[in-house]
Amino acid sequence: MAFGLLAGFAAHAASAADCPGHPNALGTSRTLVVDPREHPRIGTMQYPETLPLADHEVVLTFDDGPLPRNSNKILDILATECVKATFFTIGSMARFSPEGVRKLLAAGHTIGTHTQTHPLNMNRMPTERARQEIDDGIASTKAALGDNADALAPFFRIPGLMRADNVEEYLAEQGILVWSADFLADDWRHISSQRVYDLAISRLEAKGKGILLLHDIQARTVAALPRILETLKARGYRIVHVVPATAERPVTPTEPHEWLLHPPPDAIASWPQAPNFVFAGMSSLPVPARSEFEETEEMPALLQASLSRPSWPQPPEFAPGNATTKLAAPAPDLFEVQGGLDVARRGAALSRRAHKVAAAAREPGTGRLSRREAQRLNSRQARLARAGDRQAHRDAADAARQKASPATTAHHGPVKRLVQIRKRRV
């Protein structure tokens, strides 16, 4: 790992040193040569494969140009940092500004195409119409390049990423590599340059590497690009320039799993294996003598001590008297209800009645009593309480009379009758 980091820093330093007048430039770390016939579609936003990039490697791409007032500023910013990118030009824009296309070539950037008129319905377009858009865009860009028409790369990006099988099949037949992207910055939307910067960096950080799609015709992209490049440099990202393979420029050797953004675990099997270590000077330990294991006079005592069970603490003994201790039985009158069960039942009935009256008196929807209803309830509860007290007194008196002795009851009866007889005689 340390060697890989040093190699990466060395490549970065070398690319920065090749930027005259800008010793601290981001630079372009390496050039990646690809063959469209081996890998016809790239970009994980739509396809399984993407460019074979290492961690923290980024490919910059720009669509829709050239538009002189903004595209020229983009070229100046990239030149300041000695960064190479891939531009996908629109045929009508190339006809309008052929000088802009030639500036891309002079600056050393890769030039691909983006149809003739940038239609956003290629996923529904008839095959013949789609072919016409592709072919016209290529012809217009080649016309702008003039004698250097062969410099046009067989790279193509579908407008709006509106892919379709018939379009992709035609491009594959022509040996043209279809580019999607790994992440966007949404710079074609009506957002601020700060938002463009935030989206570009946050999405790159989430991916760790990949193809960034931008638009060189947007003023917001012009404003955001210097900060994007500065952050890439500060966070250790490296720029990779992609070019097509030619007879003089062979394909960069790669492994199949490197074309995946995040290789599966089974790809680890193809990684270099750790070396086998050969130990020199193998030495053996001496074999113990048999006499060392023979029984001696001290061994029985040691064996008995080792096998003896440790003395665990014994639980405390309980006094025999504790088992015969008895608790005092509660008196029967503790469970008696004053006034009898009839009094308790009447009291419970009065309490339930009071709760019903209170519930009926609450204001609908609020759960609270009005002042008038509260006064009426209090008065009614007071009357119920007094009635309960009077009933309790009567019940207590009845209970007292029932407990009186039979002799007293028998005595009172004759005496009362005697008094009544005497009254009659008088």
Protein backbone atom coordinates (compact mmCIF):
# COMPACT_ATOMS: atom_id res chain seq x y z
CA MET A 1 0.00 0.00 0.00
CA ALA A 2 2.82 2.40 0.88
CA PHE A 3 4.48 1.71 -2.45
CA GLY A 4 1.18 2.40 -4.28
CA LEU A 5 0.74 5.72 -2.48
CA LEU A 6 4.29 6.77 -3.28
CA ALA A 7 3.80 5.84 -6.93
CA GLY A 8 0.59 7.86 -7.05
CA PHE A 9 2.26 10.91 -5.52
CA ALA A 10 5.16 10.57 -7.93
CA ALA A 11 2.84 10.48 -10.95
CA HIS A 12 0.94 13.48 -9.63
CA ALA A 13 4.14 15.44 -9.00
CA ALA A 14 5.41 14.61 -12.46
CA SER A 15 2.19 15.81 -14.11
CA ALA A 16 2.26 19.05 -12.11
CA ALA A 17 5.88 19.65 -13.07
CA ASP A 18 4.88 19.37 -16.75
CA CYS A 19 2.56 22.38 -16.33
CA PRO A 20 4.73 25.43 -17.16
CA GLY A 21 4.09 28.39 -14.92
CA HIS A 22 1.81 26.38 -12.61
CA PRO A 23 4.00 24.21 -10.34
CA ASN A 24 1.09 23.54 -7.95
CA ALA A 25 -1.36 22.51 -10.66
CA LEU A 26 -3.59 19.46 -10.32
CA GLY A 27 -2.33 18.02 -13.63
CA THR A 28 -3.32 14.83 -15.42
CA SER A 29 -2.00 11.75 -13.66
CA ARG A 30 -2.19 9.28 -16.58
CA THR A 31 -3.68 8.50 -19.99
CA LEU A 32 -6.05 5.55 -20.36
CA VAL A 33 -6.29 3.96 -23.83
CA VAL A 34 -9.53 2.04 -24.53
CA ASP A 35 -10.92 -0.01 -27.43
CA PRO A 36 -14.64 0.61 -28.12
CA ARG A 37 -15.05 -2.86 -29.62
CA GLU A 38 -13.92 -4.54 -26.39
CA HIS A 39 -16.09 -2.41 -24.09
CA PRO A 40 -18.86 -0.73 -26.13
CA ARG A 41 -20.79 0.91 -23.24
CA ILE A 42 -19.54 2.49 -20.02
CA GLY A 43 -20.99 4.45 -17.10
CA THR A 44 -22.68 2.84 -14.09
CA MET A 45 -25.63 5.23 -14.21
CA GLN A 46 -26.96 2.97 -17.00
CA TYR A 47 -24.51 0.15 -17.73
CA PRO A 48 -22.77 -2.58 -15.73
CA GLU A 49 -19.28 -1.41 -16.74
CA THR A 50 -17.38 1.81 -16.35
CA LEU A 51 -13.82 2.90 -17.05
CA PRO A 52 -11.10 0.85 -15.30
CA LEU A 53 -10.16 3.50 -12.75
CA ALA A 54 -8.32 3.13 -9.47
CA ASP A 55 -9.65 4.61 -6.28
CA HIS A 56 -9.65 8.46 -6.28
CA GLU A 57 -9.33 8.65 -10.08
CA VAL A 58 -11.71 10.97 -11.97
CA VAL A 59 -12.52 11.47 -15.67
CA LEU A 60 -13.94 14.91 -16.55
CA THR A 61 -16.42 15.12 -19.45
CA PHE A 62 -18.27 18.13 -20.91
CA ASP A 63 -21.37 18.13 -23.14
CA ASP A 64 -23.21 20.46 -25.55
CA GLY A 65 -20.40 22.76 -26.75
CA PRO A 66 -18.74 24.58 -28.15
CA LEU A 67 -20.28 27.89 -27.03
CA PRO A 68 -17.47 30.46 -27.20
CA ARG A 69 -18.44 32.73 -24.29
CA ASN A 70 -18.41 29.84 -21.78
CA SER A 71 -16.49 27.03 -23.49
CA ASN A 72 -13.40 29.23 -23.87
CA LYS A 73 -13.47 29.98 -20.13
CA ILE A 74 -13.68 26.27 -19.37
CA LEU A 75 -10.62 25.70 -21.58
CA ASP A 76 -8.70 28.42 -19.72
CA ILE A 77 -9.52 26.90 -16.32
CA LEU A 78 -8.44 23.42 -17.43
CA ALA A 79 -5.24 24.85 -18.94
CA THR A 80 -4.38 26.58 -15.66
CA GLU A 81 -4.51 23.22 -13.90
CA CYS A 82 -3.06 21.26 -16.86
CA VAL A 83 -6.10 18.97 -16.85
CA LYS A 84 -7.26 16.99 -19.89
CA ALA A 85 -10.93 16.16 -20.43
CA THR A 86 -13.34 14.64 -22.96
CA PHE A 87 -15.78 16.93 -24.82
CA PHE A 88 -18.94 15.70 -26.56
CA THR A 89 -19.82 18.33 -29.17
CA ILE A 90 -23.17 18.97 -30.86
CA GLY A 91 -23.00 19.09 -34.66
CA SER A 92 -24.96 22.33 -34.98
CA MET A 93 -22.72 23.99 -32.39
CA ALA A 94 -19.63 22.79 -34.28
CA ARG A 95 -20.98 24.36 -37.47
CA PHE A 96 -21.70 27.61 -35.62
CA SER A 97 -18.25 27.70 -33.97
CA PRO A 98 -15.73 25.50 -35.81
CA GLU A 99 -12.94 27.49 -34.19
CA GLY A 100 -14.14 26.24 -30.80
CA VAL A 101 -13.76 22.62 -31.93
CA ARG A 102 -10.24 23.29 -33.19
CA LYS A 103 -9.35 24.88 -29.82
CA LEU A 104 -10.32 21.64 -28.11
CA LEU A 105 -7.94 19.72 -30.35
CA ALA A 106 -5.12 22.24 -29.91
CA ALA A 107 -5.44 22.00 -26.11
CA GLY A 108 -5.00 18.22 -26.27
CA HIS A 109 -8.50 17.24 -25.17
CA THR A 110 -10.44 14.26 -26.51
CA ILE A 111 -13.35 15.13 -28.84
CA GLY A 112 -16.47 12.97 -29.13
CA THR A 113 -19.94 13.73 -30.51
CA HIS A 114 -23.42 14.35 -29.08
CA THR A 115 -25.78 14.17 -32.15
CA GLN A 116 -26.55 16.98 -34.56
CA THR A 117 -29.41 18.81 -32.83
CA HIS A 118 -29.47 17.34 -29.28
CA PRO A 119 -32.91 15.65 -29.40
CA LEU A 120 -34.24 14.43 -26.04
CA ASN A 121 -36.39 11.64 -27.45
CA MET A 122 -33.85 9.19 -28.85
CA ASN A 123 -35.35 6.47 -26.67
CA ARG A 124 -38.56 6.79 -28.78
CA MET A 125 -37.07 7.91 -32.08
CA PRO A 126 -37.30 5.71 -35.19
CA THR A 127 -34.04 3.97 -36.01
CA GLU A 128 -33.46 5.81 -39.28
CA ARG A 129 -33.97 9.20 -37.65
CA ALA A 130 -31.60 8.28 -34.80
CA ARG A 131 -28.96 7.16 -37.29
CA GLN A 132 -29.30 10.46 -39.13
CA GLU A 133 -28.77 12.42 -35.92
CA ILE A 134 -25.65 10.42 -35.08
CA ASP A 135 -24.14 10.55 -38.56
CA ASP A 136 -24.82 14.27 -39.09
CA GLY A 137 -23.27 15.14 -35.71
CA ILE A 138 -20.11 13.23 -36.65
CA ALA A 139 -19.94 14.84 -40.11
CA SER A 140 -20.37 18.37 -38.72
CA THR A 141 -17.61 17.89 -36.14
CA LYS A 142 -15.24 16.40 -38.69
CA ALA A 143 -15.92 19.33 -41.00
CA ALA A 144 -14.97 21.72 -38.20
CA LEU A 145 -11.70 19.83 -37.64
CA GLY A 146 -10.82 20.06 -41.33
CA ASP A 147 -7.59 18.28 -42.13
CA ASN A 148 -7.50 16.81 -38.62
CA ALA A 149 -10.81 15.00 -38.96
CA ASP A 150 -9.09 11.73 -38.02
CA ALA A 151 -8.55 13.18 -34.55
CA LEU A 152 -12.26 12.74 -33.77
CA ALA A 153 -12.60 9.94 -31.23
CA PRO A 154 -15.20 7.18 -31.73
CA PHE A 155 -16.90 8.32 -28.52
CA PHE A 156 -20.59 9.23 -28.27
CA ARG A 157 -23.00 10.30 -25.55
CA ILE A 158 -26.78 10.10 -26.04
CA PRO A 159 -28.51 13.43 -25.25
CA GLY A 160 -30.21 13.36 -21.88
CA LEU A 161 -28.88 9.80 -21.47
CA MET A 162 -32.11 8.66 -23.18
CA ARG A 163 -30.72 5.28 -24.19
CA ALA A 164 -32.41 2.80 -26.53
CA ASP A 165 -31.41 -0.64 -27.76
CA ASN A 166 -31.61 0.26 -31.46
CA VAL A 167 -29.37 3.30 -30.93
CA GLU A 168 -26.80 1.32 -28.95
CA GLU A 169 -26.78 -1.49 -31.50
CA TYR A 170 -26.12 0.94 -34.35
CA LEU A 171 -23.28 2.63 -32.46
CA ALA A 172 -21.72 -0.75 -31.65
CA GLU A 173 -21.86 -1.69 -35.33
CA GLN A 174 -19.96 1.52 -36.14
CA GLY A 175 -17.30 0.77 -33.51
CA ILE A 176 -18.34 3.79 -31.39
CA LEU A 177 -18.12 3.71 -27.60
CA VAL A 178 -21.29 4.88 -25.82
CA TRP A 179 -20.57 6.99 -22.74
CA SER A 180 -22.97 7.38 -19.87
CA ALA A 181 -21.61 8.66 -16.52
CA ASP A 182 -21.02 7.56 -12.94
CA PHE A 183 -22.32 10.75 -11.33
CA LEU A 184 -23.68 14.19 -12.29
CA ALA A 185 -23.56 17.73 -10.92
CA ASP A 186 -26.99 18.77 -12.31
CA ASP A 187 -25.38 21.87 -13.82
CA TRP A 188 -27.97 22.02 -16.64
CA ARG A 189 -30.66 22.83 -14.05
CA HIS A 190 -31.43 26.33 -12.76
CA ILE A 191 -29.29 26.02 -9.63
CA SER A 192 -26.45 28.04 -8.16
CA SER A 193 -22.78 27.39 -8.84
CA GLN A 194 -22.42 26.53 -5.14
CA ARG A 195 -25.00 23.80 -5.60
CA VAL A 196 -23.15 22.49 -8.65
CA TYR A 197 -19.97 22.30 -6.60
CA ASP A 198 -21.70 20.59 -3.67
CA LEU A 199 -23.32 17.93 -5.86
CA ALA A 200 -20.13 17.20 -7.80
CA ILE A 201 -18.01 16.71 -4.67
CA SER A 202 -20.57 14.89 -2.53
CA ARG A 203 -21.43 12.41 -5.29
CA LEU A 204 -17.78 11.82 -6.11
CA GLU A 205 -17.07 11.17 -2.42
CA ALA A 206 -19.92 8.66 -2.36
CA LYS A 207 -18.54 6.80 -5.39
CA GLY A 208 -14.83 7.18 -4.65
CA LYS A 209 -13.99 7.41 -8.37
CA GLY A 210 -15.66 7.62 -11.79
CA ILE A 211 -16.86 9.70 -14.73
CA LEU A 212 -18.20 13.18 -13.95
CA LEU A 213 -20.64 14.73 -16.45
CA LEU A 214 -20.59 18.55 -16.81
CA HIS A 215 -21.65 21.09 -19.47
CA ASP A 216 -19.16 23.59 -20.88
CA ILE A 217 -21.92 25.90 -22.16
CA GLN A 218 -23.23 26.78 -18.66
CA ALA A 219 -22.05 29.88 -16.77
CA ARG A 220 -22.70 28.14 -13.44
CA THR A 221 -20.26 25.41 -14.49
CA VAL A 222 -17.63 28.02 -15.30
CA ALA A 223 -18.06 29.46 -11.79
CA ALA A 224 -17.99 26.07 -10.04
CA LEU A 225 -15.14 24.38 -11.94
CA PRO A 226 -12.16 26.14 -10.23
CA ARG A 227 -13.43 25.12 -6.78
CA ILE A 228 -14.11 21.57 -7.97
CA LEU A 229 -10.54 21.20 -9.25
CA GLU A 230 -9.11 22.80 -6.12
CA THR A 231 -11.03 20.36 -3.89
CA LEU A 232 -9.98 17.39 -6.00
CA LYS A 233 -6.36 18.41 -5.55
CA ALA A 234 -6.76 18.97 -1.79
CA ARG A 235 -8.41 15.58 -1.25
CA GLY A 236 -5.92 13.56 -3.25
CA TYR A 237 -7.98 12.87 -6.38
CA ARG A 238 -6.22 12.33 -9.71
CA ILE A 239 -7.37 13.19 -13.23
CA VAL A 240 -7.30 10.50 -15.93
CA HIS A 241 -7.38 11.37 -19.65
CA VAL A 242 -9.15 8.82 -21.90
CA VAL A 243 -8.23 8.34 -25.57
CA PRO A 244 -9.15 5.68 -28.17
CA ALA A 245 -6.76 2.97 -29.23
CA THR A 246 -4.98 3.28 -32.60
CA ALA A 247 -2.34 1.33 -34.46
CA GLU A 248 0.33 3.49 -32.87
CA ARG A 249 -1.36 3.62 -29.44
CA PRO A 250 -2.09 0.18 -27.93
CA VAL A 251 -4.81 -0.48 -25.38
CA THR A 252 -3.95 -0.07 -21.72
CA PRO A 253 -3.77 -3.59 -20.20
CA THR A 254 -6.60 -4.21 -17.75
CA GLU A 255 -8.38 -7.05 -15.99
CA PRO A 256 -12.12 -7.69 -16.49
CA HIS A 257 -13.02 -6.89 -12.86
CA GLU A 258 -11.37 -3.47 -13.17
CA TRP A 259 -14.20 -2.34 -15.46
CA LEU A 260 -16.61 -2.64 -12.54
CA LEU A 261 -17.05 0.31 -10.22
CA HIS A 262 -16.96 -1.97 -7.17
CA PRO A 263 -15.51 -5.40 -8.03
CA PRO A 264 -17.19 -8.41 -6.37
CA PRO A 265 -15.33 -10.37 -3.67
CA ASP A 266 -14.44 -13.19 -6.08
CA ALA A 267 -12.26 -10.74 -8.00
CA ILE A 268 -9.85 -10.89 -5.07
CA ALA A 269 -8.83 -14.34 -6.28
CA SER A 270 -6.99 -12.72 -9.18
CA TRP A 271 -4.95 -10.45 -6.92
CA PRO A 272 -1.25 -11.27 -6.35
CA GLN A 273 -0.75 -13.97 -3.75
CA ALA A 274 1.40 -13.51 -0.69
CA PRO A 275 4.87 -15.11 -1.09
CA ASN A 276 5.67 -18.40 0.59
CA PHE A 277 8.30 -18.01 3.27
CA VAL A 278 11.10 -20.60 3.51
CA PHE A 279 12.57 -20.94 6.98
CA ALA A 280 16.29 -21.65 7.03
CA GLY A 281 18.05 -23.31 9.95
CA MET A 282 15.25 -25.50 11.24
CA SER A 283 16.25 -26.68 14.74
CA SER A 284 14.51 -29.25 16.94
CA LEU A 285 14.02 -29.14 20.67
CA PRO A 286 15.52 -31.93 22.83
CA VAL A 287 13.25 -34.84 23.72
CA PRO A 288 12.57 -35.02 27.51
CA ALA A 289 14.04 -38.01 29.38
CA ARG A 290 11.72 -40.75 30.62
CA SER A 291 13.07 -40.43 34.11
CA GLU A 292 11.49 -37.02 34.38
CA PHE A 293 8.07 -38.67 34.42
CA GLU A 294 8.87 -41.47 36.92
CA GLU A 295 7.14 -41.48 40.33
CA THR A 296 9.10 -40.16 43.31
CA GLU A 297 8.45 -40.04 47.04
CA GLU A 298 7.13 -36.50 46.83
CA MET A 299 4.63 -37.21 44.06
CA PRO A 300 1.88 -38.93 46.19
CA ALA A 301 1.66 -35.92 48.52
CA LEU A 302 1.63 -33.46 45.63
CA LEU A 303 -0.95 -35.54 43.76
CA GLN A 304 -3.16 -35.73 46.87
CA ALA A 305 -2.92 -31.97 47.33
CA SER A 306 -3.78 -31.28 43.72
CA LEU A 307 -6.76 -33.62 43.71
CA SER A 308 -8.17 -32.62 47.08
CA ARG A 309 -11.40 -30.68 46.90
CA PRO A 310 -11.13 -27.15 48.23
CA SER A 311 -12.95 -26.39 51.47
CA TRP A 312 -15.96 -24.36 50.52
CA PRO A 313 -17.55 -22.12 53.19
CA GLN A 314 -20.45 -23.82 54.96
CA PRO A 315 -23.82 -22.12 55.23
CA PRO A 316 -24.67 -20.73 58.71
CA GLU A 317 -26.71 -22.89 61.07
CA PHE A 318 -30.13 -21.67 62.12
CA ALA A 319 -31.21 -21.81 65.78
CA PRO A 320 -33.82 -24.52 66.41
CA GLY A 321 -36.03 -22.03 68.16
CA ASN A 322 -36.53 -20.03 64.98
CA ALA A 323 -38.49 -22.90 63.44
CA THR A 324 -41.10 -22.83 66.25
CA THR A 325 -41.69 -19.08 66.24
CA LYS A 326 -45.35 -18.22 65.61
CA LEU A 327 -46.83 -14.92 64.52
CA ALA A 328 -49.78 -13.40 66.40
CA ALA A 329 -53.16 -14.10 64.76
CA PRO A 330 -55.17 -10.98 63.83
CA ALA A 331 -58.30 -10.24 65.87
CA PRO A 332 -61.63 -11.01 64.15
CA ASP A 333 -62.93 -7.46 64.62
CA LEU A 334 -60.21 -6.13 62.26
CA PHE A 335 -62.22 -7.49 59.32
CA GLU A 336 -65.63 -6.18 60.43
CA VAL A 337 -67.27 -3.34 58.51
CA GLN A 338 -68.69 -0.60 60.66
CA GLY A 339 -72.47 -0.54 60.30
CA GLY A 340 -72.56 -3.90 58.52
CA LEU A 341 -72.33 -4.92 54.89
CA ASP A 342 -75.59 -3.17 54.05
CA VAL A 343 -74.05 0.20 54.99
CA ALA A 344 -71.01 -0.46 52.80
CA ARG A 345 -73.20 -1.41 49.84
CA ARG A 346 -75.34 1.71 50.21
CA GLY A 347 -72.20 3.89 50.40
CA ALA A 348 -70.83 2.35 47.20
CA ALA A 349 -74.17 2.84 45.46
CA LEU A 350 -74.26 6.50 46.50
CA SER A 351 -70.70 7.01 45.21
CA ARG A 352 -71.55 5.49 41.81
CA ARG A 353 -74.65 7.65 41.60
CA ALA A 354 -72.61 10.76 42.35
CA HIS A 355 -70.13 9.90 39.56
CA LYS A 356 -72.97 9.42 37.07
CA VAL A 357 -74.43 12.78 37.97
CA ALA A 358 -71.03 14.43 37.55
CA ALA A 359 -70.50 12.79 34.13
CA ALA A 360 -73.95 13.91 32.94
CA ALA A 361 -73.28 17.48 34.07
CA ARG A 362 -70.04 17.94 32.12
CA GLU A 363 -70.11 20.35 29.19
CA PRO A 364 -70.28 18.45 25.88
CA GLY A 365 -66.95 18.27 24.07
CA THR A 366 -64.89 19.84 26.90
CA GLY A 367 -65.00 17.28 29.75
CA ARG A 368 -65.39 20.20 32.27
CA LEU A 369 -68.31 21.23 34.51
CA SER A 370 -70.00 24.57 34.14
CA ARG A 371 -70.13 26.74 37.25
CA ARG A 372 -73.89 26.26 37.68
CA GLU A 373 -73.70 22.50 37.22
CA ALA A 374 -70.79 22.31 39.67
CA GLN A 375 -72.81 24.12 42.36
CA ARG A 376 -75.80 21.86 41.72
CA LEU A 377 -73.59 18.78 41.88
CA ASN A 378 -71.96 19.89 45.14
CA SER A 379 -75.39 20.49 46.69
CA ARG A 380 -76.64 17.10 45.55
CA GLN A 381 -73.53 15.37 46.82
CA ALA A 382 -73.97 17.07 50.18
CA ARG A 383 -77.58 15.86 50.40
CA LEU A 384 -76.52 12.37 49.46
CA ALA A 385 -73.82 12.46 52.12
CA ARG A 386 -76.28 13.61 54.80
CA ALA A 387 -78.76 10.94 53.77
CA GLY A 388 -76.02 8.40 54.00
CA ASP A 389 -75.07 9.59 57.49
CA ARG A 390 -78.69 9.38 58.67
CA GLN A 391 -79.03 5.90 57.22
CA ALA A 392 -75.81 4.89 58.91
CA HIS A 393 -77.10 6.17 62.26
CA ARG A 394 -80.34 4.25 61.83
CA ASP A 395 -78.50 1.11 60.92
CA ALA A 396 -76.25 1.52 63.92
CA ALA A 397 -79.25 1.95 66.20
CA ASP A 398 -80.91 -1.12 64.77
CA ALA A 399 -77.76 -3.09 65.27
CA ALA A 400 -77.54 -1.91 68.88
CA ARG A 401 -81.12 -2.96 69.57
CA GLN A 402 -80.47 -6.35 68.03
CA LYS A 403 -77.52 -6.88 70.39
CA ALA A 404 -79.62 -6.10 73.49
CA SER A 405 -80.26 -9.05 75.85
CA PRO A 406 -83.53 -11.07 75.43
CA ALA A 407 -84.40 -10.44 79.11
CA THR A 408 -84.44 -6.70 78.62
CA THR A 409 -86.59 -7.09 75.52
CA ALA A 410 -89.01 -9.36 77.38
CA HIS A 411 -89.15 -6.95 80.32
CA HIS A 412 -89.94 -3.95 78.20
CA GLY A 413 -92.85 -5.68 76.51
CA PRO A 414 -94.98 -6.40 79.68
CA VAL A 415 -94.20 -3.04 81.23
CA LYS A 416 -95.40 -1.19 78.16
CA ARG A 417 -98.58 -3.29 78.06
CA LEU A 418 -99.24 -2.63 81.79
CA VAL A 419 -98.97 1.09 81.25
CA GLN A 420 -101.44 0.90 78.38
CA ILE A 421 -103.96 -1.09 80.54
CA ARG A 422 -103.78 1.42 83.35
CA LYS A 423 -104.36 4.29 80.92
CA ARG A 424 -107.53 2.57 79.67
CA ARG A 425 -108.89 2.08 83.20
CA VAL A 426 -108.35 5.67 84.08
